[in-house]
Protein backbone atom coordinates (compact mmCIF):
# COMPACT_ATOMS: atom_id res chain seq x y z
CA UNK A 1 0.54 -8.99 -0.27
CA UNK A 2 2.63 -9.83 -3.29
CA UNK A 3 6.14 -11.15 -3.52
CA UNK A 4 8.38 -9.53 -6.09
CA UNK A 5 11.53 -11.26 -7.29
CA UNK A 6 14.43 -8.82 -7.09
CA UNK A 7 18.18 -9.26 -7.33
CA UNK A 8 19.72 -10.19 -4.01
CA UNK A 9 22.08 -7.71 -2.40
CA UNK A 10 24.28 -10.28 -0.71
CA UNK A 11 26.22 -13.31 -1.87
CA UNK A 12 28.02 -16.13 -0.17
CA UNK A 13 31.02 -15.92 -2.46
CA UNK A 14 34.10 -13.98 -1.45
CA UNK A 15 34.28 -10.46 -2.86
CA UNK A 16 36.82 -7.65 -2.86
CA UNK A 17 36.45 -4.75 -0.39
CA UNK A 18 35.52 -2.50 -3.33
CA UNK A 19 32.70 -4.79 -4.42
CA UNK A 20 31.52 -5.14 -0.82
CA UNK A 21 31.46 -1.35 -0.53
CA UNK A 22 29.34 -1.03 -3.65
CA UNK A 23 26.96 -3.64 -2.28
CA UNK A 24 26.48 -1.62 0.91
CA UNK A 25 25.75 1.69 -0.82
CA UNK A 26 22.36 3.28 -0.36
CA UNK A 27 19.58 2.89 -2.89
CA UNK A 28 19.64 5.91 -5.18
CA UNK A 29 16.19 7.40 -5.73
CA UNK A 30 15.01 10.13 -8.06
CA UNK A 31 11.88 12.14 -7.27
CA UNK A 32 9.44 12.98 -10.06
CA UNK A 33 7.35 15.71 -8.47
CA UNK A 34 8.61 17.88 -5.60
CA UNK A 35 5.35 19.13 -4.04
CA UNK A 36 4.04 18.68 -0.52
CA UNK A 37 3.55 14.91 -0.72
CA UNK A 38 7.12 14.54 -2.03
CA UNK A 39 8.45 16.26 1.08
CA UNK A 40 6.53 13.77 3.21
CA UNK A 41 8.05 10.88 1.28
CA UNK A 42 11.51 12.40 1.54
CA UNK A 43 11.36 12.32 5.35
CA UNK A 44 10.18 8.72 5.38
CA UNK A 45 12.75 7.62 2.82
CA UNK A 46 15.66 9.14 4.72
CA UNK A 47 14.43 7.54 7.93
CA UNK A 48 15.14 4.12 6.41
CA UNK A 49 18.90 4.90 6.49
CA UNK A 50 19.17 2.73 3.39
CA UNK A 51 18.23 5.17 0.63
CA UNK A 52 19.15 8.61 -0.64
CA UNK A 53 17.52 11.05 -3.04
CA UNK A 54 19.92 11.86 -5.88
CA UNK A 55 17.81 14.08 -8.18
CA UNK A 56 14.63 16.14 -8.24
CA UNK A 57 12.27 16.74 -11.15
CA UNK A 58 9.45 19.28 -11.22
CA UNK A 59 8.38 21.82 -13.85
CA UNK A 60 7.62 24.31 -11.08
CA UNK A 61 10.59 26.36 -9.84
CA UNK A 62 8.50 27.31 -6.81
CA UNK A 63 7.98 23.67 -5.80
CA UNK A 64 11.69 22.94 -6.14
CA UNK A 65 12.56 26.05 -4.11
CA UNK A 66 10.16 25.06 -1.30
CA UNK A 67 11.64 21.56 -1.26
CA UNK A 68 15.19 22.89 -0.89
CA UNK A 69 14.07 25.47 1.67
CA UNK A 70 12.67 22.72 3.87
CA UNK A 71 15.61 20.38 3.27
CA UNK A 72 18.72 22.55 2.75
CA UNK A 73 20.91 19.46 2.29
CA UNK A 74 19.25 18.92 -1.10
CA UNK A 75 20.44 22.26 -2.49
CA UNK A 76 23.29 20.58 -4.37
CA UNK A 77 21.10 17.96 -6.04
CA UNK A 78 20.61 18.19 -9.82
CA UNK A 79 17.13 19.43 -10.72
CA UNK A 80 15.14 18.94 -13.92
CA UNK A 81 11.92 20.12 -15.54
CA UNK A 82 11.70 16.97 -17.67
CA UNK A 83 11.55 13.51 -16.10
CA UNK A 84 13.08 12.03 -19.26
CA UNK A 85 16.13 14.28 -18.96
CA UNK A 86 16.54 13.26 -15.33
CA UNK A 87 16.29 9.57 -16.20
CA UNK A 88 18.91 9.98 -18.96
CA UNK A 89 21.30 12.13 -16.94
CA UNK A 90 21.38 10.63 -13.43
CA UNK A 91 22.38 7.13 -12.36
CA UNK A 92 19.62 5.76 -10.13
CA UNK A 93 18.14 2.54 -8.80
CA UNK A 94 14.56 3.71 -8.33
CA UNK A 95 12.14 6.58 -8.72
CA UNK A 96 9.20 7.84 -6.72
CA UNK A 97 6.39 9.47 -8.70
CA UNK A 98 4.51 12.26 -6.91
CA UNK A 99 3.14 14.14 -9.92
CA UNK A 100 -0.45 14.88 -11.07
CA UNK A 101 -2.42 11.70 -11.65
CA UNK A 102 -2.63 11.52 -15.44
CA UNK A 103 1.16 11.89 -15.74
CA UNK A 104 1.88 8.75 -13.71
CA UNK A 105 1.55 6.24 -16.54
CA UNK A 106 4.03 7.76 -18.99
CA UNK A 107 6.52 8.60 -16.25
CA UNK A 108 6.30 5.09 -14.78
CA UNK A 109 6.71 3.39 -18.15
CA UNK A 110 9.73 5.55 -18.96
CA UNK A 111 11.29 4.71 -15.58
CA UNK A 112 10.81 0.99 -16.20
CA UNK A 113 12.44 1.42 -19.61
CA UNK A 114 15.48 2.66 -17.66
CA UNK A 115 15.39 -0.43 -15.42
CA UNK A 116 14.23 1.37 -12.28
CA UNK A 117 12.05 0.27 -9.37
CA UNK A 118 8.86 2.27 -8.86
CA UNK A 119 6.90 3.82 -6.01
CA UNK A 120 3.83 5.59 -7.44
CA UNK A 121 1.50 7.88 -5.51
CA UNK A 122 -2.21 7.16 -5.68
CA UNK A 123 -4.05 6.69 -7.92
CA UNK A 124 -1.55 4.53 -9.74
CA UNK A 125 -3.01 5.42 -13.15
CA UNK A 126 -6.32 6.74 -14.50
CA UNK A 127 -7.22 4.07 -17.06
CA UNK A 128 -7.65 0.31 -16.76
CA UNK A 129 -5.65 -0.27 -19.96
CA UNK A 130 -2.76 1.75 -18.54
CA UNK A 131 -2.83 -0.25 -15.30
CA UNK A 132 -2.55 -3.53 -17.17
CA UNK A 133 0.29 -2.26 -19.36
CA UNK A 134 2.20 -0.98 -16.32
CA UNK A 135 1.81 -4.23 -14.38
CA UNK A 136 2.92 -6.27 -17.38
CA UNK A 137 6.03 -4.17 -17.93
CA UNK A 138 7.02 -4.17 -14.25
CA UNK A 139 6.72 -7.95 -14.18
CA UNK A 140 8.69 -8.32 -17.41
CA UNK A 141 11.43 -6.05 -16.08
CA UNK A 142 11.33 -7.79 -12.67
CA UNK A 143 11.09 -4.47 -10.88
CA UNK A 144 9.30 -3.51 -7.69
CA UNK A 145 6.05 -1.63 -8.29
CA UNK A 146 4.47 -0.22 -5.14
CA UNK A 147 1.44 2.07 -4.89
CA UNK A 148 1.61 4.51 -1.98
CA UNK A 149 -1.48 3.29 -0.12
CA UNK A 150 -0.27 3.96 3.42
CA UNK A 151 -3.33 2.43 5.07
CA UNK A 152 -1.95 -1.02 4.25
CA UNK A 153 0.52 -0.39 7.06
CA UNK A 154 -2.07 0.64 9.65
CA UNK A 155 -2.46 -1.96 12.37
CA UNK A 156 -6.25 -1.65 12.51
CA UNK A 157 -6.71 -2.23 8.78
CA UNK A 158 -4.27 -5.12 8.83
CA UNK A 159 -6.11 -6.66 11.77
CA UNK A 160 -9.46 -6.49 9.95
CA UNK A 161 -7.96 -7.91 6.75
CA UNK A 162 -6.47 -10.86 8.61
CA UNK A 163 -9.65 -11.46 10.62
CA UNK A 164 -11.81 -11.52 7.48
CA UNK A 165 -9.37 -13.84 5.73
CA UNK A 166 -9.53 -16.15 8.76
CA UNK A 167 -13.34 -16.26 8.61
CA UNK A 168 -13.94 -14.42 11.89
CA UNK A 169 -17.13 -12.78 10.59
CA UNK A 170 -17.95 -15.35 7.95
CA UNK A 171 -18.41 -14.55 4.26
CA UNK A 172 -18.76 -10.80 3.64
CA UNK A 173 -22.16 -9.98 2.11
CA UNK A 174 -22.40 -6.17 2.40
CA UNK A 175 -20.06 -3.19 2.64
CA UNK A 176 -20.87 0.47 3.25
CA UNK A 177 -18.08 3.05 3.01
CA UNK A 178 -18.39 6.82 3.40
CA UNK A 179 -15.81 9.57 3.05
CA UNK A 180 -16.51 13.29 3.46
CA UNK A 181 -14.21 16.31 3.29
CA UNK A 182 -14.27 19.89 2.03
CA UNK A 183 -12.57 18.93 -1.23
CA UNK A 184 -14.41 21.31 -3.57
CA UNK A 185 -12.25 24.38 -2.80
CA UNK A 186 -9.06 22.73 -4.04
CA UNK A 187 -10.50 22.28 -7.51
CA UNK A 188 -8.89 25.64 -8.38
CA UNK A 189 -5.58 23.71 -8.42
CA UNK A 190 -4.53 21.03 -10.92
CA UNK A 191 -6.90 18.66 -9.12
CA UNK A 192 -9.80 20.46 -10.77
CA UNK A 193 -8.36 20.01 -14.26
CA UNK A 194 -9.41 16.60 -15.65
CA UNK A 195 -6.44 16.63 -18.04
CA UNK A 196 -4.15 16.41 -14.99
CA UNK A 197 -6.30 14.89 -12.25
CA UNK A 198 -8.16 12.35 -14.36
CA UNK A 199 -11.24 12.89 -12.20
CA UNK A 200 -12.51 14.30 -8.92
CA UNK A 201 -12.50 13.23 -5.31
CA UNK A 202 -13.39 9.62 -6.11
CA UNK A 203 -10.08 9.39 -7.99
CA UNK A 204 -8.14 11.37 -5.38
CA UNK A 205 -8.65 10.84 -1.66
CA UNK A 206 -11.55 8.53 -2.52
CA UNK A 207 -8.96 6.23 -4.06
CA UNK A 208 -7.80 5.39 -0.53
CA UNK A 209 -11.36 4.47 0.49
CA UNK A 210 -11.93 2.18 -2.49
CA UNK A 211 -8.53 0.55 -2.11
CA UNK A 212 -8.71 -0.21 1.60
CA UNK A 213 -12.19 -1.75 1.33
CA UNK A 214 -11.13 -4.02 -1.53
CA UNK A 215 -7.85 -4.86 0.22
CA UNK A 216 -9.43 -5.71 3.59
CA UNK A 217 -12.34 -7.73 2.22
CA UNK A 218 -10.74 -9.38 -0.79
CA UNK A 219 -13.94 -8.64 -2.72
CA UNK A 220 -13.78 -8.13 -6.50
CA UNK A 221 -16.25 -5.68 -8.07
CA UNK A 222 -18.27 -7.09 -10.97
CA UNK A 223 -20.86 -4.40 -11.74
CA UNK A 224 -21.28 -0.73 -10.78
CA UNK A 225 -24.13 1.77 -10.87
CA UNK A 226 -23.37 5.34 -9.90
CA UNK A 227 -24.61 8.90 -9.77
CA UNK A 228 -22.15 11.80 -9.68
CA UNK A 229 -22.47 15.56 -9.25
CA UNK A 230 -19.78 18.10 -10.17
CA UNK A 231 -21.31 21.06 -8.28
CA UNK A 232 -20.00 23.50 -10.87
CA UNK A 233 -16.51 22.00 -11.03
CA UNK A 234 -15.03 20.18 -14.05
CA UNK A 235 -14.60 16.97 -12.03
CA UNK A 236 -16.81 14.84 -9.79
CA UNK A 237 -17.41 16.18 -6.28
CA UNK A 238 -20.24 13.92 -5.04
CA UNK A 239 -20.33 10.21 -5.84
CA UNK A 240 -23.00 7.66 -4.91
CA UNK A 241 -21.68 4.31 -6.08
CA UNK A 242 -23.44 0.94 -5.75
CA UNK A 243 -21.45 -2.22 -6.41
CA UNK A 244 -22.25 -5.87 -6.97
CA UNK A 245 -19.21 -8.02 -6.24
CA UNK A 246 -18.26 -11.23 -7.99
CA UNK A 247 -19.31 -13.40 -5.02
CA UNK A 248 -22.79 -11.83 -4.94
CA UNK A 249 -22.05 -9.39 -2.10
CA UNK A 250 -23.32 -5.82 -2.40
CA UNK A 251 -21.75 -2.53 -1.39
CA UNK A 252 -21.96 1.24 -1.48
CA UNK A 253 -19.29 3.93 -1.67
CA UNK A 254 -20.39 7.45 -0.74
CA UNK A 255 -17.85 10.17 -1.49
CA UNK A 256 -18.80 13.67 -0.36
CA UNK A 257 -16.47 16.41 -1.56
CA UNK A 258 -18.41 19.36 -0.17
CA UNK A 259 -19.00 19.44 3.57
CA UNK A 260 -18.66 22.16 6.24
CA UNK A 261 -17.15 19.69 8.69
CA UNK A 262 -13.62 18.33 8.69
CA UNK A 263 -12.56 15.00 7.28
CA UNK A 264 -14.88 12.13 8.17
CA UNK A 265 -14.79 8.49 7.18
CA UNK A 266 -16.55 5.30 8.20
CA UNK A 267 -16.41 1.76 6.82
CA UNK A 268 -18.88 -0.97 7.78
CA UNK A 269 -18.32 -4.57 6.72
CA UNK A 270 -21.08 -7.11 7.34
CA UNK A 271 -20.47 -10.84 7.37
CA UNK A 272 -22.67 -13.80 8.18
CA UNK A 273 -21.36 -13.99 11.77
CA UNK A 274 -20.44 -10.41 12.60
CA UNK A 275 -19.53 -6.94 11.47
CA UNK A 276 -16.57 -4.58 11.52
CA UNK A 277 -17.17 -0.86 11.96
CA UNK A 278 -14.11 1.28 11.27
CA UNK A 279 -14.41 4.98 11.86
CA UNK A 280 -13.68 7.61 14.49
CA UNK A 281 -12.86 4.97 17.09
CA UNK A 282 -12.64 1.40 15.85
CA UNK A 283 -15.27 -1.08 16.99
CA UNK A 284 -15.52 -4.77 16.22
CA UNK A 285 -18.87 -6.44 16.76
CA UNK A 286 -19.24 -10.20 16.77
CA UNK A 287 -22.38 -12.02 17.91
CA UNK A 288 -23.46 -8.91 19.77
CA UNK A 289 -20.13 -8.54 21.61
CA UNK A 290 -18.34 -5.20 21.17
CA UNK A 291 -14.60 -4.99 21.32
CA UNK A 292 -12.62 -1.74 21.20
CA UNK A 293 -9.76 -2.23 18.77
CA UNK A 294 -8.10 1.15 19.20
CA UNK A 295 -5.01 -0.67 20.43
CA UNK A 296 -4.69 -2.19 16.96
CA UNK A 297 -4.38 1.23 15.33
CA UNK A 298 -0.59 1.48 15.61
CA UNK A 299 1.10 1.83 12.21
CA UNK A 300 3.37 -1.00 11.14
CA UNK A 301 5.68 0.80 8.74
CA UNK A 302 5.04 3.01 5.72
CA UNK A 303 5.24 2.79 1.91
CA UNK A 304 8.77 4.17 1.67
CA UNK A 305 10.20 1.70 4.16
CA UNK A 306 8.43 -1.15 2.41
CA UNK A 307 9.68 0.10 -0.96
CA UNK A 308 13.29 0.02 0.20
CA UNK A 309 12.90 -3.36 1.92
CA UNK A 310 11.29 -4.86 -1.20
CA UNK A 311 14.10 -3.59 -3.43
CA UNK A 312 16.61 -5.19 -1.05
CA UNK A 313 14.68 -8.46 -1.15
CA UNK A 314 13.88 -8.23 2.57
CA UNK A 315 10.09 -7.91 2.34
CA UNK A 316 7.04 -8.50 0.19
CA UNK A 317 5.38 -5.53 -1.49
CA UNK A 318 2.46 -4.65 0.80
CA UNK A 319 0.64 -2.42 -1.73
CA UNK A 320 1.36 -3.95 -5.15
CA UNK A 321 0.29 -2.66 -8.53
CA UNK A 322 -2.65 -5.07 -8.56
CA UNK A 323 -4.25 -2.84 -5.90
CA UNK A 324 -3.93 0.12 -8.24
CA UNK A 325 -5.55 -1.93 -11.00
CA UNK A 326 -8.53 -2.91 -8.85
CA UNK A 327 -9.13 0.68 -7.76
CA UNK A 328 -9.17 2.09 -11.29
CA UNK A 329 -11.37 -0.80 -12.47
CA UNK A 330 -14.08 0.24 -10.00
CA UNK A 331 -13.47 3.97 -10.47
CA UNK A 332 -13.62 3.87 -14.26
CA UNK A 333 -16.82 1.82 -14.10
CA UNK A 334 -18.31 4.47 -11.78
CA UNK A 335 -17.43 7.26 -14.21
CA UNK A 336 -18.87 5.31 -17.15
CA UNK A 337 -22.05 4.46 -15.24
CA UNK A 338 -22.64 8.09 -14.23
CA UNK A 339 -22.31 9.19 -17.86
CA UNK A 340 -24.57 6.44 -19.18
CA UNK A 341 -27.08 6.45 -16.30
CA UNK A 342 -26.94 2.66 -16.37
CA UNK A 343 -25.14 -0.25 -14.68
CA UNK A 344 -21.68 -0.95 -16.07
CA UNK A 345 -19.71 -4.18 -15.97
CA UNK A 346 -16.28 -3.81 -14.40
CA UNK A 347 -13.52 -4.33 -16.94
CA UNK A 348 -11.61 -7.53 -16.27
């Protein structure tokens, strides 16, 4: 977790009713991208009762029409094809970026130039250099930067993170993480175009897998060796990634983008004194004792609520930009290793 310094919304000094009214107004948010994930964020954002969407941006008329069809109250909102025109035309406090992956960096930097707080869908960016530039600018502007990694708010993942930090299983020395889904068919969309997606499943839903392992364990990847297979697509579909972490621990990430079954995922974390197994049903093993942790699986918030709370100075950012940096560091090393057929040092 990372604390972001933001302007306070309250003051002890006496103010006029007009100023008090302005202080109580909702946070004004612009949406860059109006597709399916944006509609999910819209519901969560409105549920906070402290924010409102004031503009929509998407080059697709169809996406905008579907958004308004699902939420008729947004029919009167100004809409834009260009995010720059929206940023120039509409007074806002923050933006949420739900666009194709390679567009995130430029859109985020432009939003920061307008002094706006940022929620960015995963992956945050598709290059390590871009991640560092974005983090530096957000810090310089003193703006909230949150990556929409919703698993950070899942009770089970939080429990494991806290238990590892407390030394419950001792130092972590091996991690094995597997994700499988029938991802290949959606490569006919923008996700299959590397100019928009930046990469395949490892960079898409696999981003969640990489992030949550690094977040729970606190491990930092130092070197990566990987094989990847595109299976006829223009982006990676299968990824077999081996990692050596900075503390000497080892790990594997297996991302399977072509499977006849539904979504499947399992994470195993071995420590000196015990192991966590997180999958369909959550089991914690310690000294041979098995404990069902399904009761820990209750969600404790979501990215949109945390985004609003962080802007108001009421909470720490639970999925900061540093998480986005760590994910693209490992991911870019995996791409480079697969191309070179050799181990690659993770960029610092």
